[in-house]
């Protein structure tokens, strides 16, 4: 040898066949495309109503017996009057994360503003 290291190892002929077969196989392609979920206004209203009623059940278990789904929606949607209606995931988050103290504060302020209850 002339002092050079030969790092290449001879391949077995069948190794080349396996490499060629692997290269010719298509890579995994996810053919299932993300479908955009489109809700009608009726479906959206039903979804929001069911979420509000779920929150009402939670508040009833906490002792707030005279809360309605409309009250929950009015409280949550009050902040949308300035900013506009956000995306669905934000609405769902706002309803499900509503705390009873925030709701009662909103009710108190609404009473002072003259809203009918």
Protein backbone atom coordinates (compact mmCIF):
# COMPACT_ATOMS: atom_id res chain seq x y z
CA UNK A 1 0.00 0.00 0.00
CA UNK A 2 1.11 3.53 -0.56
CA UNK A 3 0.19 4.84 2.89
CA UNK A 4 -3.39 5.72 2.03
CA UNK A 5 -6.14 4.15 4.02
CA UNK A 6 -8.79 2.55 1.92
CA UNK A 7 -12.00 3.01 3.92
CA UNK A 8 -14.21 1.54 1.27
CA UNK A 9 -15.44 -1.94 1.95
CA UNK A 10 -16.42 -4.00 -1.07
CA UNK A 11 -20.13 -4.64 -1.26
CA UNK A 12 -21.72 -7.92 -1.83
CA UNK A 13 -23.68 -7.93 -5.13
CA UNK A 14 -26.94 -8.63 -3.32
CA UNK A 15 -26.44 -5.52 -1.18
CA UNK A 16 -26.71 -3.41 -4.33
CA UNK A 17 -29.96 -5.16 -5.28
CA UNK A 18 -31.46 -4.38 -1.86
CA UNK A 19 -30.36 -0.75 -2.08
CA UNK A 20 -31.89 -0.44 -5.54
CA UNK A 21 -35.14 -2.05 -4.38
CA UNK A 22 -35.34 0.29 -1.41
CA UNK A 23 -34.69 3.30 -3.61
CA UNK A 24 -37.35 2.29 -6.11
CA UNK A 25 -40.05 1.89 -3.43
CA UNK A 26 -42.02 5.06 -2.94
CA UNK A 27 -41.61 6.82 0.36
CA UNK A 28 -44.58 6.77 2.68
CA UNK A 29 -46.93 9.47 1.53
CA UNK A 30 -49.89 10.40 3.62
CA UNK A 31 -52.72 10.37 1.11
CA UNK A 32 -55.26 11.44 3.68
CA UNK A 33 -55.43 15.18 3.27
CA UNK A 34 -56.64 17.43 6.03
CA UNK A 35 -60.23 18.26 5.37
CA UNK A 36 -61.46 21.67 6.37
CA UNK A 37 -64.38 21.33 8.70
CA UNK A 38 -67.17 23.59 7.62
CA UNK A 39 -70.15 23.99 9.90
CA UNK A 40 -73.43 25.52 8.92
CA UNK A 41 -74.82 28.30 11.08
CA UNK A 42 -77.35 25.88 12.54
CA UNK A 43 -74.66 23.32 13.43
CA UNK A 44 -72.48 26.05 14.91
CA UNK A 45 -75.37 27.36 17.03
CA UNK A 46 -76.17 23.83 18.24
CA UNK A 47 -72.52 23.27 19.16
CA UNK A 48 -72.30 26.55 21.07
CA UNK A 49 -75.61 25.85 22.79
CA UNK A 50 -74.47 22.41 23.94
CA UNK A 51 -71.22 23.87 25.28
CA UNK A 52 -73.11 26.59 27.14
CA UNK A 53 -75.49 24.03 28.63
CA UNK A 54 -72.50 21.98 29.75
CA UNK A 55 -71.15 25.05 31.52
CA UNK A 56 -74.58 25.65 33.08
CA UNK A 57 -74.50 22.12 34.52
CA UNK A 58 -71.08 22.86 35.99
CA UNK A 59 -72.31 26.10 37.57
CA UNK A 60 -75.39 24.35 38.98
CA UNK A 61 -73.11 21.82 40.67
CA UNK A 62 -71.25 24.79 42.19
CA UNK A 63 -74.50 26.18 43.59
CA UNK A 64 -75.47 28.72 40.92
CA UNK A 65 -78.96 27.44 40.22
CA UNK A 66 -80.43 30.28 38.16
CA UNK A 67 -77.95 30.35 35.29
CA UNK A 68 -79.07 29.70 31.71
CA UNK A 69 -77.19 28.83 28.56
CA UNK A 70 -78.14 32.21 27.16
CA UNK A 71 -76.53 33.91 30.17
CA UNK A 72 -73.30 31.98 29.56
CA UNK A 73 -73.27 32.90 25.88
CA UNK A 74 -74.06 36.55 26.61
CA UNK A 75 -71.14 36.66 29.04
CA UNK A 76 -68.67 34.99 26.68
CA UNK A 77 -69.80 36.85 23.56
CA UNK A 78 -69.73 40.24 25.30
CA UNK A 79 -66.02 40.60 24.60
CA UNK A 80 -66.56 39.72 20.92
CA UNK A 81 -68.51 42.93 20.36
CA UNK A 82 -65.29 44.92 20.18
CA UNK A 83 -63.00 42.41 18.48
CA UNK A 84 -65.39 40.43 16.30
CA UNK A 85 -66.18 36.75 16.43
CA UNK A 86 -62.99 34.65 16.76
CA UNK A 87 -62.31 31.18 15.41
CA UNK A 88 -64.28 28.20 16.69
CA UNK A 89 -61.49 26.84 18.88
CA UNK A 90 -61.26 30.20 20.69
CA UNK A 91 -65.03 30.25 21.29
CA UNK A 92 -64.92 26.70 22.66
CA UNK A 93 -62.00 27.62 24.91
CA UNK A 94 -63.73 30.76 26.16
CA UNK A 95 -66.89 28.87 27.08
CA UNK A 96 -65.22 25.89 28.72
CA UNK A 97 -62.67 27.97 30.64
CA UNK A 98 -65.22 30.48 31.97
CA UNK A 99 -64.87 30.73 35.74
CA UNK A 100 -67.86 31.29 37.99
CA UNK A 101 -66.24 34.41 39.49
CA UNK A 102 -65.77 35.97 36.05
CA UNK A 103 -69.38 35.11 35.19
CA UNK A 104 -70.72 36.63 38.42
CA UNK A 105 -68.62 39.77 37.87
CA UNK A 106 -70.08 40.08 34.37
CA UNK A 107 -73.62 39.58 35.75
CA UNK A 108 -73.09 42.29 38.38
CA UNK A 109 -71.72 44.78 35.87
CA UNK A 110 -74.55 43.98 33.45
CA UNK A 111 -77.10 44.66 36.18
CA UNK A 112 -75.51 48.03 36.86
CA UNK A 113 -75.61 48.82 33.14
CA UNK A 114 -79.33 48.11 33.14
CA UNK A 115 -79.54 44.75 31.41
CA UNK A 116 -82.68 42.78 32.12
CA UNK A 117 -82.35 39.47 34.01
